[in-house]
Amino acid sequence: MNSEFTIAVHSLVYLAYLPERMASSDLIAENVGTHSARIRKVMSGLRRSGYVDTREGSGGGYRLTIDPGVVTLADIYRVMAQGSLIPSWCSGNPEMDCVVGSNMNQVMFGIFCKAEKQLEDHFNAITIQDVLNQIHACG
């Protein structure tokens, strides 16, 4: 899992929380606890996917363009982090003359794919609004 997913969810929940559903990258960065350049990178991906829009100039920033009660964490995961559970390297070598060494990579890939599917299924049941509601329940 990468941190861009967490930043994206936090940013969208924060925008859903704001009355005008709009904030600058500096304001979002302060709320998330990271640098505004990192926020702009994440928000760029969200903008390309249609979750936010931007307004230039004074009073500008990022504006939520989606219904927080409809967009799920799985939607955001697919945009920001899909495939991140699968390691870039798995042990084993298909050329080995050992049943363990020659099949480990394929078996582990299948295990990680199944885990990612289960994660997406779990995330599919949670909307941005659900996260905001849980935050309100904490306060």
C-alpha atoms as a PDB file:
ATOM      1  CA  MET A   1       0.000   0.000   0.000  1.00  0.00           C
ATOM      2  CA  ASN A   2       1.357   3.420  -0.810  1.00  0.00           C
ATOM      3  CA  SER A   3       0.920   6.679   1.053  1.00  0.00           C
ATOM      4  CA  GLU A   4      -0.702   8.380  -1.943  1.00  0.00           C
ATOM      5  CA  PHE A   5      -3.847   6.344  -1.258  1.00  0.00           C
ATOM      6  CA  THR A   6      -4.026   7.588   2.340  1.00  0.00           C
ATOM      7  CA  ILE A   7      -3.333  11.163   1.259  1.00  0.00           C
ATOM      8  CA  ALA A   8      -6.017  10.935  -1.437  1.00  0.00           C
ATOM      9  CA  VAL A   9      -8.640   9.588   0.968  1.00  0.00           C
ATOM     10  CA  HIS A  10      -7.740  12.172   3.621  1.00  0.00           C
ATOM     11  CA  SER A  11      -7.897  14.993   1.061  1.00  0.00           C
ATOM     12  CA  LEU A  12     -11.272  13.904  -0.323  1.00  0.00           C
ATOM     13  CA  VAL A  13     -12.746  13.477   3.164  1.00  0.00           C
ATOM     14  CA  TYR A  14     -11.428  16.925   4.126  1.00  0.00           C
ATOM     15  CA  LEU A  15     -12.975  18.504   1.028  1.00  0.00           C
ATOM     16  CA  ALA A  16     -16.271  16.718   1.777  1.00  0.00           C
ATOM     17  CA  TYR A  17     -16.112  18.169   5.306  1.00  0.00           C
ATOM     18  CA  LEU A  18     -15.686  21.766   4.145  1.00  0.00           C
ATOM     19  CA  PRO A  19     -18.910  23.715   3.567  1.00  0.00           C
ATOM     20  CA  GLU A  20     -17.857  24.907   0.099  1.00  0.00           C
ATOM     21  CA  ARG A  21     -15.975  21.652  -0.602  1.00  0.00           C
ATOM     22  CA  MET A  22     -12.956  23.636  -1.777  1.00  0.00           C
ATOM     23  CA  ALA A  23      -9.461  24.225  -0.386  1.00  0.00           C
ATOM     24  CA  SER A  24      -5.982  25.250  -1.482  1.00  0.00           C
ATOM     25  CA  SER A  25      -3.130  22.748  -1.590  1.00  0.00           C
ATOM     26  CA  ASP A  26      -1.559  24.548   1.380  1.00  0.00           C
ATOM     27  CA  LEU A  27      -4.710  24.156   3.471  1.00  0.00           C
ATOM     28  CA  ILE A  28      -5.069  20.478   2.521  1.00  0.00           C
ATOM     29  CA  ALA A  29      -1.351  19.882   3.216  1.00  0.00           C
ATOM     30  CA  GLU A  30      -1.675  21.405   6.668  1.00  0.00           C
ATOM     31  CA  ASN A  31      -4.653  19.155   7.448  1.00  0.00           C
ATOM     32  CA  VAL A  32      -2.971  16.023   6.068  1.00  0.00           C
ATOM     33  CA  GLY A  33       0.393  16.812   7.647  1.00  0.00           C
ATOM     34  CA  THR A  34       2.532  16.748   4.528  1.00  0.00           C
ATOM     35  CA  HIS A  35       4.083  19.127   2.015  1.00  0.00           C
ATOM     36  CA  SER A  36       1.821  20.988  -0.427  1.00  0.00           C
ATOM     37  CA  ALA A  37       3.877  19.729  -3.401  1.00  0.00           C
ATOM     38  CA  ARG A  38       2.980  16.180  -2.409  1.00  0.00           C
ATOM     39  CA  ILE A  39      -0.683  17.180  -2.150  1.00  0.00           C
ATOM     40  CA  ARG A  40      -0.545  18.700  -5.641  1.00  0.00           C
ATOM     41  CA  LYS A  41       0.887  15.433  -7.021  1.00  0.00           C
ATOM     42  CA  VAL A  42      -1.882  13.342  -5.447  1.00  0.00           C
ATOM     43  CA  MET A  43      -4.591  15.834  -6.377  1.00  0.00           C
ATOM     44  CA  SER A  44      -3.383  15.776  -9.971  1.00  0.00           C
ATOM     45  CA  GLY A  45      -4.236  12.081 -10.139  1.00  0.00           C
ATOM     46  CA  LEU A  46      -7.609  12.703  -8.532  1.00  0.00           C
ATOM     47  CA  ARG A  47      -8.292  15.534 -10.983  1.00  0.00           C
ATOM     48  CA  ARG A  48      -7.452  13.336 -13.988  1.00  0.00           C
ATOM     49  CA  SER A  49      -9.914  10.761 -12.648  1.00  0.00           C
ATOM     50  CA  GLY A  50     -12.673  13.352 -12.181  1.00  0.00           C
ATOM     51  CA  TYR A  51     -12.854  13.387  -8.364  1.00  0.00           C
ATOM     52  CA  VAL A  52     -11.734  17.008  -7.994  1.00  0.00           C
ATOM     53  CA  ASP A  53     -11.488  20.084 -10.146  1.00  0.00           C
ATOM     54  CA  THR A  54      -9.216  23.093  -9.808  1.00  0.00           C
ATOM     55  CA  ARG A  55      -9.880  26.787  -9.798  1.00  0.00           C
ATOM     56  CA  GLU A  56      -6.983  29.123 -10.483  1.00  0.00           C
ATOM     57  CA  GLY A  57      -6.256  32.472  -8.893  1.00  0.00           C
ATOM     58  CA  SER A  58      -7.164  34.144  -5.641  1.00  0.00           C
ATOM     59  CA  GLY A  59      -9.582  32.013  -3.671  1.00  0.00           C
ATOM     60  CA  GLY A  60      -8.805  29.066  -5.907  1.00  0.00           C
ATOM     61  CA  GLY A  61      -7.853  25.566  -5.047  1.00  0.00           C
ATOM     62  CA  TYR A  62      -9.271  22.068  -5.317  1.00  0.00           C
ATOM     63  CA  ARG A  63     -12.997  21.492  -5.386  1.00  0.00           C
ATOM     64  CA  LEU A  64     -14.746  18.182  -4.765  1.00  0.00           C
ATOM     65  CA  THR A  65     -16.713  17.178  -7.885  1.00  0.00           C
ATOM     66  CA  ILE A  66     -18.151  13.886  -6.682  1.00  0.00           C
ATOM     67  CA  ASP A  67     -20.832  12.770  -4.263  1.00  0.00           C
ATOM     68  CA  PRO A  68     -18.943  11.575  -1.166  1.00  0.00           C
ATOM     69  CA  GLY A  69     -21.782   9.142  -0.468  1.00  0.00           C
ATOM     70  CA  VAL A  70     -21.161   7.323  -3.745  1.00  0.00           C
ATOM     71  CA  VAL A  71     -17.377   7.208  -4.211  1.00  0.00           C
ATOM     72  CA  THR A  72     -15.827   4.264  -2.393  1.00  0.00           C
ATOM     73  CA  LEU A  73     -12.341   3.696  -1.071  1.00  0.00           C
ATOM     74  CA  ALA A  74     -12.061   0.975  -3.730  1.00  0.00           C
ATOM     75  CA  ASP A  75     -12.567   3.637  -6.413  1.00  0.00           C
ATOM     76  CA  ILE A  76      -9.731   5.673  -4.924  1.00  0.00           C
ATOM     77  CA  TYR A  77      -7.558   2.582  -4.406  1.00  0.00           C
ATOM     78  CA  ARG A  78      -7.878   1.671  -8.089  1.00  0.00           C
ATOM     79  CA  VAL A  79      -6.745   5.169  -9.089  1.00  0.00           C
ATOM     80  CA  MET A  80      -3.951   5.651  -6.567  1.00  0.00           C
ATOM     81  CA  ALA A  81      -2.609   2.277  -5.455  1.00  0.00           C
ATOM     82  CA  GLN A  82      -3.935  -0.712  -7.390  1.00  0.00           C
ATOM     83  CA  GLY A  83      -1.286  -3.397  -7.569  1.00  0.00           C
ATOM     84  CA  SER A  84       0.690  -1.975  -4.670  1.00  0.00           C
ATOM     85  CA  LEU A  85       0.215  -5.082  -2.510  1.00  0.00           C
ATOM     86  CA  ILE A  86       2.103  -7.174  -5.046  1.00  0.00           C
ATOM     87  CA  PRO A  87       5.832  -6.879  -4.342  1.00  0.00           C
ATOM     88  CA  SER A  88       8.094  -5.845  -7.183  1.00  0.00           C
ATOM     89  CA  TRP A  89      10.213  -8.935  -6.515  1.00  0.00           C
ATOM     90  CA  CYS A  90       9.221 -12.436  -5.419  1.00  0.00           C
ATOM     91  CA  SER A  91      11.587 -15.235  -4.541  1.00  0.00           C
ATOM     92  CA  GLY A  92      12.069 -18.280  -6.685  1.00  0.00           C
ATOM     93  CA  ASN A  93      13.214 -19.069 -10.183  1.00  0.00           C
ATOM     94  CA  PRO A  94      10.999 -20.913 -12.690  1.00  0.00           C
ATOM     95  CA  GLU A  95      14.154 -22.456 -14.234  1.00  0.00           C
ATOM     96  CA  MET A  96      15.157 -24.250 -11.014  1.00  0.00           C
ATOM     97  CA  ASP A  97      15.043 -28.006 -10.715  1.00  0.00           C
ATOM     98  CA  CYS A  98      13.235 -27.728  -7.368  1.00  0.00           C
ATOM     99  CA  VAL A  99       9.466 -27.799  -6.992  1.00  0.00           C
ATOM    100  CA  VAL A 100       9.587 -25.072  -4.304  1.00  0.00           C
ATOM    101  CA  GLY A 101      12.008 -22.715  -6.035  1.00  0.00           C
ATOM    102  CA  SER A 102      10.475 -23.133  -9.478  1.00  0.00           C
ATOM    103  CA  ASN A 103       6.877 -22.469  -8.336  1.00  0.00           C
ATOM    104  CA  MET A 104       7.186 -20.001  -5.445  1.00  0.00           C
ATOM    105  CA  ASN A 105       6.933 -16.875  -7.602  1.00  0.00           C
ATOM    106  CA  GLN A 106       3.731 -18.020  -9.320  1.00  0.00           C
ATOM    107  CA  VAL A 107       2.111 -19.168  -6.069  1.00  0.00           C
ATOM    108  CA  MET A 108       2.989 -15.969  -4.186  1.00  0.00           C
ATOM    109  CA  PHE A 109       1.716 -13.835  -7.074  1.00  0.00           C
ATOM    110  CA  GLY A 110      -1.625 -15.646  -6.829  1.00  0.00           C
ATOM    111  CA  ILE A 111      -1.741 -15.142  -3.062  1.00  0.00           C
ATOM    112  CA  PHE A 112      -1.062 -11.415  -3.388  1.00  0.00           C
ATOM    113  CA  CYS A 113      -3.651 -11.058  -6.162  1.00  0.00           C
ATOM    114  CA  LYS A 114      -6.268 -12.731  -3.973  1.00  0.00           C
ATOM    115  CA  ALA A 115      -5.344 -10.489  -1.019  1.00  0.00           C
ATOM    116  CA  GLU A 116      -5.655  -7.398  -3.195  1.00  0.00           C
ATOM    117  CA  LYS A 117      -9.074  -8.532  -4.438  1.00  0.00           C
ATOM    118  CA  GLN A 118     -10.227  -9.012  -0.834  1.00  0.00           C
ATOM    119  CA  LEU A 119      -8.890  -5.573   0.088  1.00  0.00           C
ATOM    120  CA  GLU A 120     -10.749  -3.988  -2.830  1.00  0.00           C
ATOM    121  CA  ASP A 121     -13.933  -5.828  -1.817  1.00  0.00           C
ATOM    122  CA  HIS A 122     -13.559  -4.453   1.718  1.00  0.00           C
ATOM    123  CA  PHE A 123     -12.872  -0.925   0.428  1.00  0.00           C
ATOM    124  CA  ASN A 124     -15.865  -1.181  -1.908  1.00  0.00           C
ATOM    125  CA  ALA A 125     -18.177  -1.161   1.112  1.00  0.00           C
ATOM    126  CA  ILE A 126     -16.768   2.136   2.476  1.00  0.00           C
ATOM    127  CA  THR A 127     -17.577   5.525   0.950  1.00  0.00           C
ATOM    128  CA  ILE A 128     -15.843   8.839   1.499  1.00  0.00           C
ATOM    129  CA  GLN A 129     -18.958   9.891   3.436  1.00  0.00           C
ATOM    130  CA  ASP A 130     -18.647   6.796   5.657  1.00  0.00           C
ATOM    131  CA  VAL A 131     -15.112   7.867   6.594  1.00  0.00           C
ATOM    132  CA  LEU A 132     -16.324  11.396   7.358  1.00  0.00           C
ATOM    133  CA  ASN A 133     -19.162   9.961   9.478  1.00  0.00           C
ATOM    134  CA  GLN A 134     -16.675   7.855  11.442  1.00  0.00           C
ATOM    135  CA  ILE A 135     -14.563  10.961  12.038  1.00  0.00           C
ATOM    136  CA  HIS A 136     -17.614  12.860  13.332  1.00  0.00           C
ATOM    137  CA  ALA A 137     -18.377   9.926  15.655  1.00  0.00           C
ATOM    138  CA  CYS A 138     -14.878  10.207  17.147  1.00  0.00           C
ATOM    139  CA  GLY A 139     -15.321  13.905  17.922  1.00  0.00           C
END
